[in-house]
C-alpha atoms as a PDB file:
ATOM      1  CA  GLU A   1     144.164  95.920 155.264  1.00  0.00           C
ATOM      2  CA  ILE A   2     142.027  92.246 155.645  1.00  0.00           C
ATOM      3  CA  VAL A   3     140.207  90.347 153.433  1.00  0.00           C
ATOM      4  CA  GLY A   4     139.165  87.907 155.425  1.00  0.00           C
ATOM      5  CA  TYR A   5     140.294  85.377 157.753  1.00  0.00           C
ATOM      6  CA  THR A   6     139.526  82.352 159.298  1.00  0.00           C
ATOM      7  CA  ARG A   7     140.451  80.918 162.976  1.00  0.00           C
ATOM      8  CA  VAL A   8     141.222  77.034 163.076  1.00  0.00           C
ATOM      9  CA  TRP A   9     141.539  75.039 166.236  1.00  0.00           C
ATOM     10  CA  SER A  10     143.447  71.166 165.767  1.00  0.00           C
ATOM     11  CA  GLY A  11     144.450  68.267 167.528  1.00  0.00           C
ATOM     12  CA  TYR A  12     141.285  67.994 169.857  1.00  0.00           C
ATOM     13  CA  SER A  13     139.849  64.324 169.074  1.00  0.00           C
ATOM     14  CA  THR A  14     135.752  62.682 169.902  1.00  0.00           C
ATOM     15  CA  ASN A  15     134.677  59.636 169.021  1.00  0.00           C
ATOM     16  CA  ILE A  16     132.645  59.476 166.203  1.00  0.00           C
ATOM     17  CA  VAL A  17     130.226  57.089 165.349  1.00  0.00           C
ATOM     18  CA  GLY A  18     128.804  55.950 161.753  1.00  0.00           C
ATOM     19  CA  GLU A  19     127.128  53.477 160.745  1.00  0.00           C
ATOM     20  CA  LYS A  20     130.507  51.208 160.631  1.00  0.00           C
ATOM     21  CA  GLY A  21     131.026  51.802 163.947  1.00  0.00           C
ATOM     22  CA  SER A  22     132.142  54.485 166.281  1.00  0.00           C
ATOM     23  CA  PHE A  23     135.803  55.572 165.956  1.00  0.00           C
ATOM     24  CA  GLU A  24     138.155  58.852 167.239  1.00  0.00           C
ATOM     25  CA  VAL A  25     138.655  60.942 165.213  1.00  0.00           C
ATOM     26  CA  ASP A  26     141.166  64.270 164.404  1.00  0.00           C
ATOM     27  CA  VAL A  27     138.344  66.785 164.542  1.00  0.00           C
ATOM     28  CA  THR A  28     139.716  70.592 163.848  1.00  0.00           C
ATOM     29  CA  TYR A  29     137.604  73.148 164.084  1.00  0.00           C
ATOM     30  CA  ALA A  30     137.731  76.219 161.337  1.00  0.00           C
ATOM     31  CA  ASP A  31     135.172  79.374 160.194  1.00  0.00           C
ATOM     32  CA  ALA A  32     133.568  78.933 157.155  1.00  0.00           C
ATOM     33  CA  PRO A  33     135.574  79.858 154.565  1.00  0.00           C
ATOM     34  CA  PHE A  34     138.577  77.095 155.699  1.00  0.00           C
ATOM     35  CA  PHE A  35     138.435  75.191 152.340  1.00  0.00           C
ATOM     36  CA  GLU A  36     138.848  78.784 150.951  1.00  0.00           C
ATOM     37  CA  PHE A  37     142.176  79.898 152.664  1.00  0.00           C
ATOM     38  CA  PHE A  38     143.820  76.183 152.297  1.00  0.00           C
ATOM     39  CA  SER A  39     144.602  73.839 149.173  1.00  0.00           C
ATOM     40  CA  PHE A  40     142.992  70.753 150.488  1.00  0.00           C
ATOM     41  CA  PRO A  41     140.694  69.962 147.358  1.00  0.00           C
ATOM     42  CA  LEU A  42     137.058  68.737 148.063  1.00  0.00           C
ATOM     43  CA  LEU A  43     135.708  65.907 145.991  1.00  0.00           C
ATOM     44  CA  ALA A  44     132.603  66.401 147.159  1.00  0.00           C
ATOM     45  CA  GLY A  45     130.999  70.006 148.497  1.00  0.00           C
ATOM     46  CA  GLN A  46     131.994  73.397 147.590  1.00  0.00           C
ATOM     47  CA  PRO A  47     134.474  75.405 149.309  1.00  0.00           C
ATOM     48  CA  HIS A  48     132.535  78.188 149.983  1.00  0.00           C
ATOM     49  CA  ASN A  49     129.625  76.805 151.744  1.00  0.00           C
ATOM     50  CA  VAL A  50     130.606  73.367 153.213  1.00  0.00           C
ATOM     51  CA  LEU A  51     130.999  74.975 156.806  1.00  0.00           C
ATOM     52  CA  GLU A  52     128.163  76.942 156.568  1.00  0.00           C
ATOM     53  CA  ASN A  53     125.631  75.102 158.658  1.00  0.00           C
ATOM     54  CA  MET A  54     126.758  75.113 162.529  1.00  0.00           C
ATOM     55  CA  HIS A  55     126.013  71.372 162.318  1.00  0.00           C
ATOM     56  CA  SER A  56     128.015  71.144 159.297  1.00  0.00           C
ATOM     57  CA  ILE A  57     130.878  68.354 158.647  1.00  0.00           C
ATOM     58  CA  VAL A  58     133.823  67.784 156.504  1.00  0.00           C
ATOM     59  CA  LEU A  59     135.324  64.281 156.530  1.00  0.00           C
ATOM     60  CA  THR A  60     138.879  63.392 155.057  1.00  0.00           C
ATOM     61  CA  GLU A  61     138.362  60.147 152.369  1.00  0.00           C
ATOM     62  CA  GLU A  62     139.762  58.032 154.541  1.00  0.00           C
ATOM     63  CA  THR A  63     137.608  59.070 157.496  1.00  0.00           C
ATOM     64  CA  ALA A  64     134.152  58.701 155.281  1.00  0.00           C
ATOM     65  CA  ARG A  65     135.917  54.820 154.510  1.00  0.00           C
ATOM     66  CA  LYS A  66     136.109  54.173 157.970  1.00  0.00           C
ATOM     67  CA  LEU A  67     132.686  55.672 159.116  1.00  0.00           C
ATOM     68  CA  PHE A  68     130.731  54.663 156.465  1.00  0.00           C
ATOM     69  CA  GLY A  69     132.595  52.189 154.146  1.00  0.00           C
ATOM     70  CA  THR A  70     132.753  54.652 151.394  1.00  0.00           C
ATOM     71  CA  THR A  71     132.780  58.320 150.490  1.00  0.00           C
ATOM     72  CA  ALA A  72     129.695  58.751 149.133  1.00  0.00           C
ATOM     73  CA  VAL A  73     127.765  59.943 152.388  1.00  0.00           C
ATOM     74  CA  ILE A  74     127.184  63.391 151.245  1.00  0.00           C
ATOM     75  CA  GLY A  75     123.875  64.752 153.516  1.00  0.00           C
ATOM     76  CA  LYS A  76     124.623  61.368 156.116  1.00  0.00           C
ATOM     77  CA  THR A  77     124.286  62.021 160.143  1.00  0.00           C
ATOM     78  CA  ILE A  78     126.864  61.414 162.286  1.00  0.00           C
ATOM     79  CA  LYS A  79     127.204  61.567 165.954  1.00  0.00           C
ATOM     80  CA  ALA A  80     130.364  62.944 167.771  1.00  0.00           C
ATOM     81  CA  GLU A  81     129.905  61.112 171.353  1.00  0.00           C
ATOM     82  CA  GLY A  82     131.019  63.414 173.966  1.00  0.00           C
ATOM     83  CA  GLU A  83     130.090  66.093 172.475  1.00  0.00           C
ATOM     84  CA  PRO A  84     127.505  68.010 175.038  1.00  0.00           C
ATOM     85  CA  GLY A  85     123.988  65.898 173.976  1.00  0.00           C
ATOM     86  CA  SER A  86     125.513  63.655 171.765  1.00  0.00           C
ATOM     87  CA  ALA A  87     125.515  66.035 168.744  1.00  0.00           C
ATOM     88  CA  SER A  88     124.636  65.749 165.562  1.00  0.00           C
ATOM     89  CA  PHE A  89     126.762  67.032 161.804  1.00  0.00           C
ATOM     90  CA  ILE A  90     125.680  66.432 158.683  1.00  0.00           C
ATOM     91  CA  VAL A  91     128.454  65.720 156.503  1.00  0.00           C
ATOM     92  CA  THR A  92     128.506  68.021 153.847  1.00  0.00           C
ATOM     93  CA  GLY A  93     132.133  67.723 151.870  1.00  0.00           C
ATOM     94  CA  ILE A  94     135.054  65.228 152.003  1.00  0.00           C
ATOM     95  CA  ALA A  95     138.083  66.565 151.528  1.00  0.00           C
ATOM     96  CA  ARG A  96     140.983  64.586 149.782  1.00  0.00           C
ATOM     97  CA  SER A  97     143.808  62.730 151.127  1.00  0.00           C
ATOM     98  CA  LEU A  98     146.008  65.480 153.098  1.00  0.00           C
ATOM     99  CA  PRO A  99     149.314  65.082 151.965  1.00  0.00           C
ATOM    100  CA  SER A 100     151.716  64.526 155.125  1.00  0.00           C
ATOM    101  CA  ASN A 101     153.963  67.526 154.617  1.00  0.00           C
ATOM    102  CA  SER A 102     150.943  69.703 155.673  1.00  0.00           C
ATOM    103  CA  SER A 103     151.531  71.983 158.799  1.00  0.00           C
ATOM    104  CA  LEU A 104     147.470  71.559 159.206  1.00  0.00           C
ATOM    105  CA  GLN A 105     146.339  67.494 159.661  1.00  0.00           C
ATOM    106  CA  PHE A 106     142.643  66.827 160.578  1.00  0.00           C
ATOM    107  CA  GLU A 107     140.205  64.089 159.852  1.00  0.00           C
ATOM    108  CA  ALA A 108     137.343  65.776 159.961  1.00  0.00           C
ATOM    109  CA  VAL A 109     136.613  69.517 160.280  1.00  0.00           C
ATOM    110  CA  VAL A 110     133.388  70.863 162.141  1.00  0.00           C
ATOM    111  CA  PRO A 111     132.710  74.825 161.833  1.00  0.00           C
ATOM    112  CA  PHE A 112     134.189  77.025 164.828  1.00  0.00           C
ATOM    113  CA  ARG A 113     130.413  78.416 165.273  1.00  0.00           C
ATOM    114  CA  TYR A 114     129.646  75.061 166.828  1.00  0.00           C
ATOM    115  CA  LEU A 115     132.733  75.080 169.166  1.00  0.00           C
ATOM    116  CA  GLN A 116     131.593  78.516 170.374  1.00  0.00           C
ATOM    117  CA  SER A 117     128.013  77.563 170.937  1.00  0.00           C
ATOM    118  CA  SER A 118     129.423  75.397 174.330  1.00  0.00           C
ATOM    119  CA  PHE A 119     133.095  77.307 174.914  1.00  0.00           C
ATOM    120  CA  ASN A 120     132.974  80.762 173.814  1.00  0.00           C
ATOM    121  CA  ASP A 121     136.363  81.648 175.423  1.00  0.00           C
ATOM    122  CA  LYS A 122     137.186  85.470 175.948  1.00  0.00           C
ATOM    123  CA  ASP A 123     140.372  84.464 177.260  1.00  0.00           C
ATOM    124  CA  TRP A 124     142.798  86.842 175.321  1.00  0.00           C
ATOM    125  CA  LEU A 125     145.833  85.701 176.855  1.00  0.00           C
ATOM    126  CA  ASN A 126     145.188  81.791 175.985  1.00  0.00           C
ATOM    127  CA  PRO A 127     146.914  80.882 172.798  1.00  0.00           C
ATOM    128  CA  TYR A 128     145.662  77.662 171.709  1.00  0.00           C
ATOM    129  CA  LEU A 129     143.864  79.171 168.756  1.00  0.00           C
ATOM    130  CA  ALA A 130     145.681  80.112 164.701  1.00  0.00           C
ATOM    131  CA  SER A 131     144.141  83.004 163.007  1.00  0.00           C
ATOM    132  CA  PHE A 132     144.690  82.764 159.254  1.00  0.00           C
ATOM    133  CA  VAL A 133     144.126  86.374 157.827  1.00  0.00           C
ATOM    134  CA  LEU A 134     144.522  87.641 154.304  1.00  0.00           C
ATOM    135  CA  LEU A 135     145.396  91.076 153.799  1.00  0.00           C
ATOM    136  CA  HIS A 136     144.550  92.495 150.602  1.00  0.00           C
ATOM    137  CA  SER A 137     147.375  93.239 148.298  1.00  0.00           C
ATOM    138  CA  GLY A 138     149.638  95.918 148.927  1.00  0.00           C
ATOM    139  CA  ALA A 139     148.476  95.727 152.496  1.00  0.00           C
ATOM    140  CA  ASP A 140     150.785  97.687 154.913  1.00  0.00           C
ATOM    141  CA  VAL A 141     152.313  94.193 157.294  1.00  0.00           C
ATOM    142  CA  ALA A 142     153.116  97.187 159.933  1.00  0.00           C
ATOM    143  CA  LYS A 143     150.270  98.929 159.684  1.00  0.00           C
ATOM    144  CA  VAL A 144     148.340  95.613 160.222  1.00  0.00           C
ATOM    145  CA  GLU A 145     150.645  94.378 163.201  1.00  0.00           C
ATOM    146  CA  ALA A 146     150.401  98.202 164.836  1.00  0.00           C
ATOM    147  CA  THR A 147     146.935  97.570 165.310  1.00  0.00           C
ATOM    148  CA  MET A 148     146.246  93.787 166.284  1.00  0.00           C
ATOM    149  CA  ALA A 149     148.479  94.952 168.662  1.00  0.00           C
ATOM    150  CA  HIS A 150     145.885  98.255 169.875  1.00  0.00           C
ATOM    151  CA  VAL A 151     143.227  96.302 169.973  1.00  0.00           C
ATOM    152  CA  PHE A 152     145.278  93.007 171.833  1.00  0.00           C
ATOM    153  CA  GLN A 153     146.185  96.181 174.583  1.00  0.00           C
ATOM    154  CA  GLN A 154     142.610  97.660 174.605  1.00  0.00           C
ATOM    155  CA  GLU A 155     140.656  94.578 175.016  1.00  0.00           C
ATOM    156  CA  ALA A 156     143.740  92.267 177.196  1.00  0.00           C
ATOM    157  CA  ALA A 157     144.093  94.918 179.881  1.00  0.00           C
ATOM    158  CA  GLY A 158     141.614  93.917 182.652  1.00  0.00           C
ATOM    159  CA  GLN A 159     143.124  90.258 182.057  1.00  0.00           C
ATOM    160  CA  MET A 160     146.648  91.157 181.686  1.00  0.00           C
ATOM    161  CA  ASN A 161     146.648  93.061 185.071  1.00  0.00           C
ATOM    162  CA  ARG A 162     144.529  90.437 186.820  1.00  0.00           C
ATOM    163  CA  ALA A 163     147.627  88.044 185.464  1.00  0.00           C
ATOM    164  CA  ASN A 164     150.017  89.998 186.495  1.00  0.00           C
ATOM    165  CA  VAL A 165     151.621  90.188 183.012  1.00  0.00           C
ATOM    166  CA  ARG A 166     153.354  93.136 181.727  1.00  0.00           C
ATOM    167  CA  PRO A 167     152.906  95.179 178.597  1.00  0.00           C
ATOM    168  CA  GLY A 168     154.750  94.000 175.777  1.00  0.00           C
ATOM    169  CA  GLU A 169     154.904  90.343 177.296  1.00  0.00           C
ATOM    170  CA  ILE A 170     153.169  88.905 175.198  1.00  0.00           C
ATOM    171  CA  ARG A 171     152.877  89.869 171.788  1.00  0.00           C
ATOM    172  CA  TYR A 172     151.020  88.838 167.937  1.00  0.00           C
ATOM    173  CA  GLY A 173     151.816  89.426 165.131  1.00  0.00           C
ATOM    174  CA  LEU A 174     151.918  88.015 161.199  1.00  0.00           C
ATOM    175  CA  GLN A 175     153.865  85.667 159.681  1.00  0.00           C
ATOM    176  CA  ARG A 176     153.617  84.607 155.933  1.00  0.00           C
ATOM    177  CA  MET A 177     152.139  81.078 155.084  1.00  0.00           C
ATOM    178  CA  SER A 178     155.368  80.106 153.388  1.00  0.00           C
ATOM    179  CA  GLN A 179     157.190  80.602 156.663  1.00  0.00           C
ATOM    180  CA  VAL A 180     155.110  78.538 158.465  1.00  0.00           C
ATOM    181  CA  HIS A 181     155.781  74.979 158.212  1.00  0.00           C
ATOM    182  CA  LEU A 182     159.131  75.818 159.312  1.00  0.00           C
ATOM    183  CA  GLY A 183     158.953  78.612 161.665  1.00  0.00           C
END
């Protein structure tokens, strides 16, 4: 039923060091298909592979200018302070300025795999993460939601029991993209 997915964690800022200095940057962590799922045009880089390498980073054009004074920065290295060991990232893409009405806002995007290397969260009761799925055309949405509920109940049973959460108290479901911004 599911063609693909991308998980997104936003709202995290870190200090990033570029040629023009050190700046606080809003970082979003996302799975590799992020730029194929969403219509954030890239000025440089290819949507299908800009987040393939665990140490890749995609900057918005404003962030690239702030860090380097230019948007011609593909292949350049930046450091993220506060990351384990002050991690280095290679710029693999430049995203066009984001529309102000977008529900997703970021200054940089780092592969979700990098986040998992230092924070592999297995807590099914932790709701910080958004997951976006692309369904096959004609997919049975009710069937997908039922499967999601079954997987959640099966995987989270022990955690729910320890946290005194009753079955059905936490539910996951699907929401159409057209309903996300205002819903």
